[in-house]
């Protein structure tokens, strides 16, 4: 019932975000993987629609944006063109992974969605639902912004407009990676 209510709220375009607070963002819980702001993003490896392997596992050269979606999700359809624009603008500076929660979708529907919206960013396929379970996904879309140290900086449940996402990406890009 709780999932259904949350899905209904998201379907009408009501989303919310969990934002970091400057005083809290400095305190990272070392080596603890948890899908929450200030913790290491849960590690995973998935195969994409392009048969390439995509990983999130700690430190990396670029921040990563994880967008969990399903083809039947109305807000995901509304958000897809903005994500493509963001990828075209920032794809050289951030990794954008559109994680299809295939366990709640189908490979055929995901492929049709990607073709319909002409998405060119990587689409890892969460066929078994293990990654979406690790990230505690309860509504679509859900987006995580992860810094170069592998730390979750934002969790956004529901749609995010392009200008807000771009502002958050710029903040991520201005951060100095820890050595």
C-alpha atoms as a PDB file:
ATOM      1  CA  UNK A   1       0.000   0.000   0.000  1.00  0.00           C
ATOM      2  CA  UNK A   2       2.858   2.347   0.888  1.00  0.00           C
ATOM      3  CA  UNK A   3       4.552   1.694  -2.486  1.00  0.00           C
ATOM      4  CA  UNK A   4       1.261   2.263  -4.301  1.00  0.00           C
ATOM      5  CA  UNK A   5       0.699   5.609  -2.567  1.00  0.00           C
ATOM      6  CA  UNK A   6       4.246   6.740  -3.328  1.00  0.00           C
ATOM      7  CA  UNK A   7       3.919   5.623  -6.950  1.00  0.00           C
ATOM      8  CA  UNK A   8       0.658   7.569  -7.235  1.00  0.00           C
ATOM      9  CA  UNK A   9       2.281  10.723  -5.874  1.00  0.00           C
ATOM     10  CA  UNK A  10       5.161  10.382  -8.303  1.00  0.00           C
ATOM     11  CA  UNK A  11       2.790   9.689 -11.182  1.00  0.00           C
ATOM     12  CA  UNK A  12       1.135  13.073 -10.701  1.00  0.00           C
ATOM     13  CA  UNK A  13       4.507  14.710 -10.767  1.00  0.00           C
ATOM     14  CA  UNK A  14       4.989  15.225  -7.059  1.00  0.00           C
ATOM     15  CA  UNK A  15       8.542  14.329  -6.205  1.00  0.00           C
ATOM     16  CA  UNK A  16      10.909  15.207  -3.441  1.00  0.00           C
ATOM     17  CA  UNK A  17      14.609  15.250  -2.993  1.00  0.00           C
ATOM     18  CA  UNK A  18      16.900  14.405  -0.155  1.00  0.00           C
ATOM     19  CA  UNK A  19      19.454  17.201  -0.204  1.00  0.00           C
ATOM     20  CA  UNK A  20      22.759  17.287   1.530  1.00  0.00           C
ATOM     21  CA  UNK A  21      23.572  19.872   4.168  1.00  0.00           C
ATOM     22  CA  UNK A  22      27.034  21.443   4.065  1.00  0.00           C
ATOM     23  CA  UNK A  23      27.742  20.630   7.696  1.00  0.00           C
ATOM     24  CA  UNK A  24      26.768  17.001   7.179  1.00  0.00           C
ATOM     25  CA  UNK A  25      28.336  16.368   3.775  1.00  0.00           C
ATOM     26  CA  UNK A  26      31.854  16.537   5.220  1.00  0.00           C
ATOM     27  CA  UNK A  27      31.135  13.592   7.505  1.00  0.00           C
ATOM     28  CA  UNK A  28      31.329  10.563   5.244  1.00  0.00           C
ATOM     29  CA  UNK A  29      30.923   7.211   6.902  1.00  0.00           C
ATOM     30  CA  UNK A  30      34.049   5.409   5.711  1.00  0.00           C
ATOM     31  CA  UNK A  31      33.553   2.143   3.857  1.00  0.00           C
ATOM     32  CA  UNK A  32      29.819   1.893   4.630  1.00  0.00           C
ATOM     33  CA  UNK A  33      27.735   1.286   1.510  1.00  0.00           C
ATOM     34  CA  UNK A  34      24.259   2.683   1.875  1.00  0.00           C
ATOM     35  CA  UNK A  35      21.964   4.414  -0.623  1.00  0.00           C
ATOM     36  CA  UNK A  36      21.827   7.567   1.493  1.00  0.00           C
ATOM     37  CA  UNK A  37      23.493  10.978   1.354  1.00  0.00           C
ATOM     38  CA  UNK A  38      26.951  10.877   2.951  1.00  0.00           C
ATOM     39  CA  UNK A  39      27.499   7.139   2.523  1.00  0.00           C
ATOM     40  CA  UNK A  40      29.371   5.192  -0.148  1.00  0.00           C
ATOM     41  CA  UNK A  41      27.041   4.284  -2.991  1.00  0.00           C
ATOM     42  CA  UNK A  42      26.284   0.558  -3.045  1.00  0.00           C
ATOM     43  CA  UNK A  43      28.618  -1.174  -5.491  1.00  0.00           C
ATOM     44  CA  UNK A  44      27.284  -3.004  -8.525  1.00  0.00           C
ATOM     45  CA  UNK A  45      28.127  -4.257 -11.988  1.00  0.00           C
ATOM     46  CA  UNK A  46      25.443  -4.479 -14.693  1.00  0.00           C
ATOM     47  CA  UNK A  47      25.389  -5.213 -18.395  1.00  0.00           C
ATOM     48  CA  UNK A  48      23.891  -2.516 -20.587  1.00  0.00           C
ATOM     49  CA  UNK A  49      21.649  -2.664 -23.630  1.00  0.00           C
ATOM     50  CA  UNK A  50      24.867  -2.222 -25.622  1.00  0.00           C
ATOM     51  CA  UNK A  51      26.345  -5.375 -23.959  1.00  0.00           C
ATOM     52  CA  UNK A  52      29.001  -3.244 -22.213  1.00  0.00           C
ATOM     53  CA  UNK A  53      29.698  -3.602 -18.497  1.00  0.00           C
ATOM     54  CA  UNK A  54      28.889  -0.681 -16.193  1.00  0.00           C
ATOM     55  CA  UNK A  55      30.150  -0.426 -12.632  1.00  0.00           C
ATOM     56  CA  UNK A  56      29.766   1.736  -9.589  1.00  0.00           C
ATOM     57  CA  UNK A  57      32.365   0.766  -7.012  1.00  0.00           C
ATOM     58  CA  UNK A  58      34.003   3.547  -5.044  1.00  0.00           C
ATOM     59  CA  UNK A  59      36.407   6.138  -6.427  1.00  0.00           C
ATOM     60  CA  UNK A  60      36.197   7.040 -10.109  1.00  0.00           C
ATOM     61  CA  UNK A  61      37.431   9.690 -12.523  1.00  0.00           C
ATOM     62  CA  UNK A  62      34.038  11.354 -12.978  1.00  0.00           C
ATOM     63  CA  UNK A  63      30.921  11.790 -10.832  1.00  0.00           C
ATOM     64  CA  UNK A  64      28.063   9.477 -11.755  1.00  0.00           C
ATOM     65  CA  UNK A  65      24.354  10.075 -12.080  1.00  0.00           C
ATOM     66  CA  UNK A  66      22.197   6.979 -11.622  1.00  0.00           C
ATOM     67  CA  UNK A  67      18.653   7.325 -12.896  1.00  0.00           C
ATOM     68  CA  UNK A  68      16.416   4.334 -12.103  1.00  0.00           C
ATOM     69  CA  UNK A  69      13.457   4.085 -14.486  1.00  0.00           C
ATOM     70  CA  UNK A  70      10.878   1.852 -16.148  1.00  0.00           C
ATOM     71  CA  UNK A  71       9.321   2.194 -19.604  1.00  0.00           C
ATOM     72  CA  UNK A  72       5.744   2.299 -18.290  1.00  0.00           C
ATOM     73  CA  UNK A  73       6.505   5.219 -15.924  1.00  0.00           C
ATOM     74  CA  UNK A  74       4.856   8.484 -17.039  1.00  0.00           C
ATOM     75  CA  UNK A  75       7.282  10.790 -15.169  1.00  0.00           C
ATOM     76  CA  UNK A  76      10.197   8.784 -16.658  1.00  0.00           C
ATOM     77  CA  UNK A  77       8.839   9.554 -20.133  1.00  0.00           C
ATOM     78  CA  UNK A  78       8.604  13.234 -19.281  1.00  0.00           C
ATOM     79  CA  UNK A  79      12.147  13.265 -17.870  1.00  0.00           C
ATOM     80  CA  UNK A  80      13.861  11.286 -20.666  1.00  0.00           C
ATOM     81  CA  UNK A  81      14.378  14.182 -23.137  1.00  0.00           C
ATOM     82  CA  UNK A  82      15.943  16.320 -20.371  1.00  0.00           C
ATOM     83  CA  UNK A  83      18.296  13.505 -19.373  1.00  0.00           C
ATOM     84  CA  UNK A  84      19.404  13.173 -23.002  1.00  0.00           C
ATOM     85  CA  UNK A  85      20.112  16.932 -23.169  1.00  0.00           C
ATOM     86  CA  UNK A  86      22.088  16.757 -19.913  1.00  0.00           C
ATOM     87  CA  UNK A  87      24.099  13.834 -21.292  1.00  0.00           C
ATOM     88  CA  UNK A  88      24.850  15.689 -24.498  1.00  0.00           C
ATOM     89  CA  UNK A  89      26.070  18.695 -22.500  1.00  0.00           C
ATOM     90  CA  UNK A  90      27.899  16.990 -19.607  1.00  0.00           C
ATOM     91  CA  UNK A  91      28.620  13.454 -20.883  1.00  0.00           C
ATOM     92  CA  UNK A  92      32.348  14.179 -21.043  1.00  0.00           C
ATOM     93  CA  UNK A  93      32.398  15.323 -17.407  1.00  0.00           C
ATOM     94  CA  UNK A  94      29.956  12.929 -15.705  1.00  0.00           C
ATOM     95  CA  UNK A  95      28.834   9.349 -16.238  1.00  0.00           C
ATOM     96  CA  UNK A  96      25.073   9.158 -16.673  1.00  0.00           C
ATOM     97  CA  UNK A  97      23.609   5.667 -16.311  1.00  0.00           C
ATOM     98  CA  UNK A  98      19.915   5.162 -16.984  1.00  0.00           C
ATOM     99  CA  UNK A  99      19.366   1.969 -14.988  1.00  0.00           C
ATOM    100  CA  UNK A 100      16.335   0.165 -16.343  1.00  0.00           C
ATOM    101  CA  UNK A 101      14.679  -1.805 -13.555  1.00  0.00           C
ATOM    102  CA  UNK A 102      14.002  -4.672 -15.922  1.00  0.00           C
ATOM    103  CA  UNK A 103      12.640  -6.820 -13.093  1.00  0.00           C
ATOM    104  CA  UNK A 104       9.619  -4.430 -13.170  1.00  0.00           C
ATOM    105  CA  UNK A 105       9.742  -3.930 -16.937  1.00  0.00           C
ATOM    106  CA  UNK A 106      10.890  -5.965 -19.951  1.00  0.00           C
ATOM    107  CA  UNK A 107      13.960  -5.805 -22.175  1.00  0.00           C
ATOM    108  CA  UNK A 108      11.724  -5.267 -25.207  1.00  0.00           C
ATOM    109  CA  UNK A 109       9.850  -2.350 -23.630  1.00  0.00           C
ATOM    110  CA  UNK A 110      13.122  -0.810 -22.392  1.00  0.00           C
ATOM    111  CA  UNK A 111      14.646  -1.074 -25.875  1.00  0.00           C
ATOM    112  CA  UNK A 112      11.560   0.513 -27.456  1.00  0.00           C
ATOM    113  CA  UNK A 113      11.683   3.339 -24.872  1.00  0.00           C
ATOM    114  CA  UNK A 114      15.370   4.028 -25.567  1.00  0.00           C
ATOM    115  CA  UNK A 115      14.766   4.052 -29.328  1.00  0.00           C
ATOM    116  CA  UNK A 116      11.661   6.220 -29.016  1.00  0.00           C
ATOM    117  CA  UNK A 117      13.483   8.907 -26.998  1.00  0.00           C
ATOM    118  CA  UNK A 118      16.749   8.466 -28.947  1.00  0.00           C
ATOM    119  CA  UNK A 119      18.707   7.988 -25.723  1.00  0.00           C
ATOM    120  CA  UNK A 120      22.456   7.688 -26.283  1.00  0.00           C
ATOM    121  CA  UNK A 121      23.664   7.382 -22.679  1.00  0.00           C
ATOM    122  CA  UNK A 122      24.384   3.937 -21.192  1.00  0.00           C
ATOM    123  CA  UNK A 123      21.365   1.866 -20.148  1.00  0.00           C
ATOM    124  CA  UNK A 124      22.438  -0.796 -17.625  1.00  0.00           C
ATOM    125  CA  UNK A 125      19.766  -3.492 -17.260  1.00  0.00           C
ATOM    126  CA  UNK A 126      18.814  -4.547 -13.714  1.00  0.00           C
ATOM    127  CA  UNK A 127      17.239  -7.809 -14.863  1.00  0.00           C
ATOM    128  CA  UNK A 128      17.103  -9.498 -11.449  1.00  0.00           C
ATOM    129  CA  UNK A 129      16.240  -6.338  -9.492  1.00  0.00           C
ATOM    130  CA  UNK A 130      19.261  -6.744  -7.206  1.00  0.00           C
ATOM    131  CA  UNK A 131      20.616  -3.235  -7.804  1.00  0.00           C
ATOM    132  CA  UNK A 132      17.252  -1.529  -7.384  1.00  0.00           C
ATOM    133  CA  UNK A 133      16.821  -3.519  -4.160  1.00  0.00           C
ATOM    134  CA  UNK A 134      20.251  -2.403  -2.886  1.00  0.00           C
ATOM    135  CA  UNK A 135      19.320   1.202  -3.688  1.00  0.00           C
ATOM    136  CA  UNK A 136      15.902   0.769  -2.041  1.00  0.00           C
ATOM    137  CA  UNK A 137      14.026   1.984  -5.119  1.00  0.00           C
ATOM    138  CA  UNK A 138      10.339   2.407  -4.327  1.00  0.00           C
ATOM    139  CA  UNK A 139       9.280   4.875  -7.023  1.00  0.00           C
ATOM    140  CA  UNK A 140      10.253   5.799 -10.561  1.00  0.00           C
ATOM    141  CA  UNK A 141      12.177   7.758 -11.479  1.00  0.00           C
ATOM    142  CA  UNK A 142      14.717   7.875  -8.659  1.00  0.00           C
ATOM    143  CA  UNK A 143      18.053   9.571  -9.276  1.00  0.00           C
ATOM    144  CA  UNK A 144      21.291   9.410  -7.287  1.00  0.00           C
ATOM    145  CA  UNK A 145      24.183  11.841  -7.716  1.00  0.00           C
ATOM    146  CA  UNK A 146      27.485  10.263  -6.662  1.00  0.00           C
ATOM    147  CA  UNK A 147      30.786  12.127  -6.383  1.00  0.00           C
ATOM    148  CA  UNK A 148      34.238  10.986  -7.564  1.00  0.00           C
ATOM    149  CA  UNK A 149      34.889   9.399  -4.163  1.00  0.00           C
ATOM    150  CA  UNK A 150      31.850   7.160  -4.613  1.00  0.00           C
ATOM    151  CA  UNK A 151      29.799   9.047  -2.011  1.00  0.00           C
ATOM    152  CA  UNK A 152      26.079   9.701  -2.505  1.00  0.00           C
ATOM    153  CA  UNK A 153      25.543  13.479  -2.600  1.00  0.00           C
ATOM    154  CA  UNK A 154      21.877  13.607  -3.610  1.00  0.00           C
ATOM    155  CA  UNK A 155      18.903  11.301  -3.780  1.00  0.00           C
ATOM    156  CA  UNK A 156      15.996  12.576  -5.827  1.00  0.00           C
ATOM    157  CA  UNK A 157      12.709  10.695  -5.774  1.00  0.00           C
ATOM    158  CA  UNK A 158      10.460  11.685  -8.641  1.00  0.00           C
ATOM    159  CA  UNK A 159      11.104  13.814 -11.679  1.00  0.00           C
ATOM    160  CA  UNK A 160      13.819  16.412 -11.717  1.00  0.00           C
ATOM    161  CA  UNK A 161      13.768  19.212 -14.247  1.00  0.00           C
ATOM    162  CA  UNK A 162      16.820  19.835 -16.423  1.00  0.00           C
ATOM    163  CA  UNK A 163      17.762  23.183 -14.870  1.00  0.00           C
ATOM    164  CA  UNK A 164      17.753  21.783 -11.321  1.00  0.00           C
ATOM    165  CA  UNK A 165      19.724  18.718 -12.369  1.00  0.00           C
ATOM    166  CA  UNK A 166      22.224  20.908 -14.205  1.00  0.00           C
ATOM    167  CA  UNK A 167      22.698  23.050 -11.084  1.00  0.00           C
ATOM    168  CA  UNK A 168      23.375  19.921  -9.018  1.00  0.00           C
ATOM    169  CA  UNK A 169      25.820  18.591 -11.631  1.00  0.00           C
ATOM    170  CA  UNK A 170      27.721  21.881 -11.560  1.00  0.00           C
ATOM    171  CA  UNK A 171      28.001  21.623  -7.758  1.00  0.00           C
ATOM    172  CA  UNK A 172      29.364  18.084  -8.096  1.00  0.00           C
ATOM    173  CA  UNK A 173      31.893  19.173 -10.704  1.00  0.00           C
ATOM    174  CA  UNK A 174      33.171  22.004  -8.485  1.00  0.00           C
ATOM    175  CA  UNK A 175      33.977  19.626  -5.617  1.00  0.00           C
ATOM    176  CA  UNK A 176      37.621  18.734  -5.145  1.00  0.00           C
ATOM    177  CA  UNK A 177      38.183  14.968  -5.076  1.00  0.00           C
ATOM    178  CA  UNK A 178      39.719  13.634  -1.866  1.00  0.00           C
ATOM    179  CA  UNK A 179      43.182  12.183  -2.324  1.00  0.00           C
END
